[in-house]
Structures are given as C-alpha cells and as structure tokens.
C-alpha cells in the first residue's frame, strides 16, 4: 500500500472541506453546551438524606 498517496489524498480532502468541518465542530460544541445546560439542574439535584428516628 502506498501510505504517502493515502496521506496526501486525505490531507487534500480535509483542506477542501475545512469550512464545513469547522462549522460542524462548532455546531456540536453548541449542542453539547445546550444539552449540559438543560441537564445541569437534574444532575445537580441532591436528594437530602432520609432521617430515621
């Protein structure tokens, strides 16, 4: 296998699609932050311990 050819080809494809890759990465970051923001109250809620008499 010609690894140099595959590496150069992958690099060309990556550079050719760099704008969409950056936009998709930013969209995933925003989605993750929103999801964590929605779930923060649920994950932060602590049930008080039961007092036994």
Protein backbone atom coordinates (compact mmCIF):
# COMPACT_ATOMS: atom_id res chain seq x y z
CA UNK A 1 0.00 0.00 0.00
CA UNK A 2 1.15 3.50 -0.78
CA UNK A 3 0.69 5.31 2.52
CA UNK A 4 2.14 8.55 1.18
CA UNK A 5 -0.55 8.70 -1.51
CA UNK A 6 -3.32 8.00 1.02
CA UNK A 7 -1.97 10.57 3.45
CA UNK A 8 -1.69 13.27 0.78
CA UNK A 9 -5.14 12.44 -0.55
CA UNK A 10 -6.68 12.61 2.94
CA UNK A 11 -4.94 15.95 3.54
CA UNK A 12 -6.30 17.40 0.27
CA UNK A 13 -9.82 16.25 1.10
CA UNK A 14 -9.55 17.69 4.62
CA UNK A 15 -8.32 21.08 3.38
CA UNK A 16 -11.01 21.09 0.69
CA UNK A 17 -13.73 20.63 3.33
CA UNK A 18 -12.19 22.65 6.16
CA UNK A 19 -15.02 25.21 6.32
CA UNK A 20 -17.73 22.60 6.75
CA UNK A 21 -15.60 20.67 9.24
CA UNK A 22 -15.15 23.78 11.39
CA UNK A 23 -18.87 24.63 11.20
CA UNK A 24 -19.87 21.09 12.17
CA UNK A 25 -17.42 21.13 15.07
CA UNK A 26 -18.83 24.44 16.34
CA UNK A 27 -22.39 23.12 15.98
CA UNK A 28 -21.53 20.05 18.04
CA UNK A 29 -19.92 22.22 20.72
CA UNK A 30 -23.05 24.40 20.92
CA UNK A 31 -25.31 21.33 21.06
CA UNK A 32 -23.20 19.84 23.86
CA UNK A 33 -23.28 23.05 25.88
CA UNK A 34 -27.05 23.36 25.47
CA UNK A 35 -27.58 19.74 26.46
CA UNK A 36 -25.42 20.11 29.55
CA UNK A 37 -27.21 23.35 30.38
CA UNK A 38 -30.60 21.64 30.22
CA UNK A 39 -29.44 18.66 32.27
CA UNK A 40 -27.47 20.66 34.84
CA UNK A 41 -30.38 21.09 37.29
CA UNK A 42 -31.19 17.39 37.04
CA UNK A 43 -27.63 16.25 37.61
CA UNK A 44 -27.04 18.85 40.31
CA UNK A 45 -30.14 18.00 42.33
CA UNK A 46 -29.20 16.22 45.50
CA UNK A 47 -31.77 14.28 47.45
CA UNK A 48 -31.44 15.03 51.16
CA UNK A 49 -30.70 12.00 53.30
CA UNK A 50 -33.63 10.31 54.99
CA UNK A 51 -33.77 10.99 58.73
CA UNK A 52 -34.62 7.83 60.62
CA UNK A 53 -35.99 8.16 64.11
